[in-house]
C-alpha atoms as a PDB file:
ATOM      1  CA  MET A   1      94.000  76.944  90.175  1.00  0.00           C
ATOM      2  CA  ASP A   2      96.019  74.889  92.651  1.00  0.00           C
ATOM      3  CA  PRO A   3      94.632  75.683  96.151  1.00  0.00           C
ATOM      4  CA  ALA A   4      97.767  74.557  98.017  1.00  0.00           C
ATOM      5  CA  GLU A   5      99.980  76.703  95.787  1.00  0.00           C
ATOM      6  CA  THR A   6      97.614  79.680  96.133  1.00  0.00           C
ATOM      7  CA  ILE A   7      97.599  79.330  99.937  1.00  0.00           C
ATOM      8  CA  ARG A   8     101.408  79.241  99.942  1.00  0.00           C
ATOM      9  CA  ARG A   9     101.915  82.039  97.401  1.00  0.00           C
ATOM     10  CA  LEU A  10      99.469  84.456  99.077  1.00  0.00           C
ATOM     11  CA  GLY A  11     100.356  83.487 102.661  1.00  0.00           C
ATOM     12  CA  LEU A  12      96.784  82.497 103.505  1.00  0.00           C
ATOM     13  CA  VAL A  13      95.806  81.086 106.905  1.00  0.00           C
ATOM     14  CA  PRO A  14      92.666  79.181 108.025  1.00  0.00           C
ATOM     15  CA  HIS A  15      89.581  81.346 108.568  1.00  0.00           C
ATOM     16  CA  PRO A  16      87.166  80.561 111.463  1.00  0.00           C
ATOM     17  CA  GLU A  17      84.210  80.304 109.012  1.00  0.00           C
ATOM     18  CA  GLY A  18      86.117  77.906 106.709  1.00  0.00           C
ATOM     19  CA  GLY A  19      88.518  78.413 103.837  1.00  0.00           C
ATOM     20  CA  HIS A  20      91.717  80.445 104.003  1.00  0.00           C
ATOM     21  CA  TYR A  21      92.359  84.185 104.035  1.00  0.00           C
ATOM     22  CA  ARG A  22      94.838  87.011 104.501  1.00  0.00           C
ATOM     23  CA  GLU A  23      94.137  90.667 105.054  1.00  0.00           C
ATOM     24  CA  THR A  24      95.604  92.718 102.200  1.00  0.00           C
ATOM     25  CA  TYR A  25      94.435  96.220 103.104  1.00  0.00           C
ATOM     26  CA  ARG A  26      93.415  98.206 106.183  1.00  0.00           C
ATOM     27  CA  SER A  27      92.678 101.899 105.694  1.00  0.00           C
ATOM     28  CA  VAL A  28      94.603 104.316 107.877  1.00  0.00           C
ATOM     29  CA  LEU A  29      91.543 106.589 107.759  1.00  0.00           C
ATOM     30  CA  MET A  30      89.510 105.888 110.900  1.00  0.00           C
ATOM     31  CA  ILE A  31      85.812 106.655 111.262  1.00  0.00           C
ATOM     32  CA  ASP A  32      83.574 106.895 114.312  1.00  0.00           C
ATOM     33  CA  LEU A  33      80.357 104.905 113.997  1.00  0.00           C
ATOM     34  CA  PRO A  34      77.059 106.118 115.512  1.00  0.00           C
ATOM     35  CA  ASP A  35      77.232 103.432 118.218  1.00  0.00           C
ATOM     36  CA  GLY A  36      80.651 104.625 119.389  1.00  0.00           C
ATOM     37  CA  ARG A  37      82.770 101.971 117.664  1.00  0.00           C
ATOM     38  CA  ARG A  38      85.846 103.235 115.809  1.00  0.00           C
ATOM     39  CA  ARG A  39      86.778 101.401 112.621  1.00  0.00           C
ATOM     40  CA  PRO A  40      89.028 101.841 109.605  1.00  0.00           C
ATOM     41  CA  ALA A  41      87.120 103.233 106.622  1.00  0.00           C
ATOM     42  CA  SER A  42      87.686  99.952 104.727  1.00  0.00           C
ATOM     43  CA  THR A  43      89.503  96.610 104.802  1.00  0.00           C
ATOM     44  CA  ALA A  44      90.149  93.918 102.195  1.00  0.00           C
ATOM     45  CA  ILE A  45      91.154  90.254 102.194  1.00  0.00           C
ATOM     46  CA  HIS A  46      92.017  87.463  99.801  1.00  0.00           C
ATOM     47  CA  TYR A  47      89.710  84.505 100.525  1.00  0.00           C
ATOM     48  CA  LEU A  48      90.094  80.973  99.132  1.00  0.00           C
ATOM     49  CA  LEU A  49      87.551  78.159  99.278  1.00  0.00           C
ATOM     50  CA  PRO A  50      89.025  74.903  97.934  1.00  0.00           C
ATOM     51  CA  ALA A  51      86.794  72.437  96.086  1.00  0.00           C
ATOM     52  CA  GLY A  52      84.420  70.657  98.458  1.00  0.00           C
ATOM     53  CA  SER A  53      84.716  73.259 101.212  1.00  0.00           C
ATOM     54  CA  ARG A  54      82.214  75.847 102.443  1.00  0.00           C
ATOM     55  CA  SER A  55      82.094  78.937 104.538  1.00  0.00           C
ATOM     56  CA  ALA A  56      79.755  78.614 107.511  1.00  0.00           C
ATOM     57  CA  TRP A  57      76.855  80.971 108.193  1.00  0.00           C
ATOM     58  CA  HIS A  58      78.206  84.241 109.495  1.00  0.00           C
ATOM     59  CA  ARG A  59      77.469  87.942 109.416  1.00  0.00           C
ATOM     60  CA  VAL A  60      79.387  91.151 109.875  1.00  0.00           C
ATOM     61  CA  SER A  61      78.247  94.605 110.966  1.00  0.00           C
ATOM     62  CA  SER A  62      79.352  96.308 107.737  1.00  0.00           C
ATOM     63  CA  ASP A  63      78.605  96.022 104.036  1.00  0.00           C
ATOM     64  CA  GLU A  64      80.781  93.442 102.282  1.00  0.00           C
ATOM     65  CA  ILE A  65      81.661  93.346  98.601  1.00  0.00           C
ATOM     66  CA  TRP A  66      82.795  89.994  97.192  1.00  0.00           C
ATOM     67  CA  HIS A  67      85.102  89.923  94.146  1.00  0.00           C
ATOM     68  CA  HIS A  68      85.758  86.789  92.037  1.00  0.00           C
ATOM     69  CA  TYR A  69      89.458  86.509  91.106  1.00  0.00           C
ATOM     70  CA  ASP A  70      90.214  82.959  89.978  1.00  0.00           C
ATOM     71  CA  GLY A  71      88.854  79.435  89.822  1.00  0.00           C
ATOM     72  CA  GLY A  72      85.333  78.190  89.296  1.00  0.00           C
ATOM     73  CA  PRO A  73      81.993  79.783  90.125  1.00  0.00           C
ATOM     74  CA  LEU A  74      81.033  80.509  93.727  1.00  0.00           C
ATOM     75  CA  ARG A  75      77.537  80.331  95.214  1.00  0.00           C
ATOM     76  CA  LEU A  76      77.012  83.039  97.804  1.00  0.00           C
ATOM     77  CA  HIS A  77      73.923  82.289  99.911  1.00  0.00           C
ATOM     78  CA  LEU A  78      72.138  85.098 101.764  1.00  0.00           C
ATOM     79  CA  LEU A  79      69.469  83.973 104.230  1.00  0.00           C
ATOM     80  CA  GLY A  80      66.174  85.564 103.303  1.00  0.00           C
ATOM     81  CA  ALA A  81      67.603  87.073 100.099  1.00  0.00           C
ATOM     82  CA  GLY A  82      68.482  84.100  97.869  1.00  0.00           C
ATOM     83  CA  THR A  83      71.715  83.024  96.205  1.00  0.00           C
ATOM     84  CA  MET A  84      74.147  84.924  94.011  1.00  0.00           C
ATOM     85  CA  ARG A  85      76.615  83.308  91.640  1.00  0.00           C
ATOM     86  CA  LEU A  86      80.047  84.851  91.261  1.00  0.00           C
ATOM     87  CA  GLU A  87      82.201  83.937  88.267  1.00  0.00           C
ATOM     88  CA  ARG A  88      84.342  85.599  85.630  1.00  0.00           C
ATOM     89  CA  SER A  89      81.311  87.029  83.801  1.00  0.00           C
ATOM     90  CA  ASN A  90      79.651  88.201  87.065  1.00  0.00           C
ATOM     91  CA  PRO A  91      82.621  88.992  89.315  1.00  0.00           C
ATOM     92  CA  GLN A  92      81.093  91.085  92.091  1.00  0.00           C
ATOM     93  CA  ALA A  93      78.300  90.861  94.684  1.00  0.00           C
ATOM     94  CA  VAL A  94      77.303  92.973  97.669  1.00  0.00           C
ATOM     95  CA  VAL A  95      76.201  91.549 101.029  1.00  0.00           C
ATOM     96  CA  PRO A  96      74.406  94.210 103.080  1.00  0.00           C
ATOM     97  CA  ALA A  97      75.535  94.731 106.673  1.00  0.00           C
ATOM     98  CA  GLY A  98      74.042  92.247 109.138  1.00  0.00           C
ATOM     99  CA  THR A  99      73.007  89.675 106.489  1.00  0.00           C
ATOM    100  CA  TRP A 100      73.619  85.990 107.248  1.00  0.00           C
ATOM    101  CA  GLN A 101      75.840  84.593 104.500  1.00  0.00           C
ATOM    102  CA  ALA A 102      77.550  81.347 103.534  1.00  0.00           C
ATOM    103  CA  ALA A 103      79.471  80.367 100.414  1.00  0.00           C
ATOM    104  CA  GLU A 104      80.541  77.302  98.467  1.00  0.00           C
ATOM    105  CA  PRO A 105      82.428  76.643  95.246  1.00  0.00           C
ATOM    106  CA  GLU A 106      80.323  74.973  92.549  1.00  0.00           C
ATOM    107  CA  GLY A 107      83.162  72.670  91.559  1.00  0.00           C
ATOM    108  CA  GLU A 108      86.807  73.624  91.574  1.00  0.00           C
ATOM    109  CA  GLY A 109      88.176  75.933  94.239  1.00  0.00           C
ATOM    110  CA  VAL A 110      87.712  79.667  94.006  1.00  0.00           C
ATOM    111  CA  LEU A 111      89.816  82.670  95.008  1.00  0.00           C
ATOM    112  CA  CYS A 112      87.822  85.749  95.946  1.00  0.00           C
ATOM    113  CA  GLY A 113      88.428  89.052  97.589  1.00  0.00           C
ATOM    114  CA  CYS A 114      86.198  90.644 100.205  1.00  0.00           C
ATOM    115  CA  THR A 115      86.123  94.388 100.818  1.00  0.00           C
ATOM    116  CA  VAL A 116      84.348  95.561 103.970  1.00  0.00           C
ATOM    117  CA  ALA A 117      83.291  99.134 104.729  1.00  0.00           C
ATOM    118  CA  PRO A 118      83.387 100.365 107.421  1.00  0.00           C
ATOM    119  CA  GLY A 119      86.396  98.122 107.943  1.00  0.00           C
ATOM    120  CA  PHE A 120      86.227  94.610 109.339  1.00  0.00           C
ATOM    121  CA  ASP A 121      86.941  93.818 112.963  1.00  0.00           C
ATOM    122  CA  PHE A 122      86.452  90.352 114.484  1.00  0.00           C
ATOM    123  CA  ALA A 123      84.455  92.069 117.256  1.00  0.00           C
ATOM    124  CA  ASP A 124      81.787  92.682 114.567  1.00  0.00           C
ATOM    125  CA  PHE A 125      81.852  89.070 113.276  1.00  0.00           C
ATOM    126  CA  GLN A 126      79.218  86.545 114.358  1.00  0.00           C
ATOM    127  CA  MET A 127      79.098  82.853 113.485  1.00  0.00           C
ATOM    128  CA  GLY A 128      75.615  81.413 113.030  1.00  0.00           C
ATOM    129  CA  SER A 129      74.194  78.875 115.450  1.00  0.00           C
ATOM    130  CA  GLU A 130      71.567  76.263 114.658  1.00  0.00           C
ATOM    131  CA  GLU A 131      69.353  77.527 117.485  1.00  0.00           C
ATOM    132  CA  VAL A 132      69.225  81.125 116.210  1.00  0.00           C
ATOM    133  CA  LEU A 133      69.153  80.473 112.463  1.00  0.00           C
ATOM    134  CA  VAL A 134      66.522  77.715 112.485  1.00  0.00           C
ATOM    135  CA  ARG A 135      64.384  79.805 114.839  1.00  0.00           C
ATOM    136  CA  ASP A 136      64.668  82.911 112.633  1.00  0.00           C
ATOM    137  CA  PHE A 137      64.479  81.057 109.275  1.00  0.00           C
ATOM    138  CA  PRO A 138      62.369  77.919 109.961  1.00  0.00           C
ATOM    139  CA  GLU A 139      61.494  77.534 106.275  1.00  0.00           C
ATOM    140  CA  HIS A 140      65.222  76.991 105.543  1.00  0.00           C
ATOM    141  CA  GLY A 141      65.983  74.481 108.335  1.00  0.00           C
ATOM    142  CA  GLU A 142      67.805  71.786 106.345  1.00  0.00           C
ATOM    143  CA  PHE A 143      69.571  74.349 104.162  1.00  0.00           C
ATOM    144  CA  VAL A 144      70.711  76.231 107.281  1.00  0.00           C
ATOM    145  CA  ARG A 145      72.076  73.021 108.844  1.00  0.00           C
ATOM    146  CA  ARG A 146      74.160  72.302 105.723  1.00  0.00           C
ATOM    147  CA  PHE A 147      76.345  75.352 106.367  1.00  0.00           C
ATOM    148  CA  LEU A 148      76.786  75.202 110.137  1.00  0.00           C
ATOM    149  CA  ARG A 149      80.207  74.689 111.649  1.00  0.00           C
END
């Protein structure tokens, strides 16, 4: 997989957590959440991490399903819940709502998809800070620092 060609072909743009993305789906069905927020039932993106890049610690308020599409294996780190490996033979992983996550390709770049339900909104997106993550996960201090932006 050629990351530059994939970025061009899919019209990807830089993502705040790292890598490149483009939203590919936003449900027209809207749902009301218990806390009063209104969100689409589901959203989906293409997400590319080139070789040597990482996504920074972040979390969203909804469940997120990762899908491996192309390229090498991806390590998906979940603070307090271990690491999952996505690849052709294991192409899907679920990150429960509110879980701190970060990702990195094992070698070559990787193209994934992420489906979020209820749908993603940047208002529900939180980047991790060293202060909060090291305080809440002191046993993972150096590992946490590796994925901070």
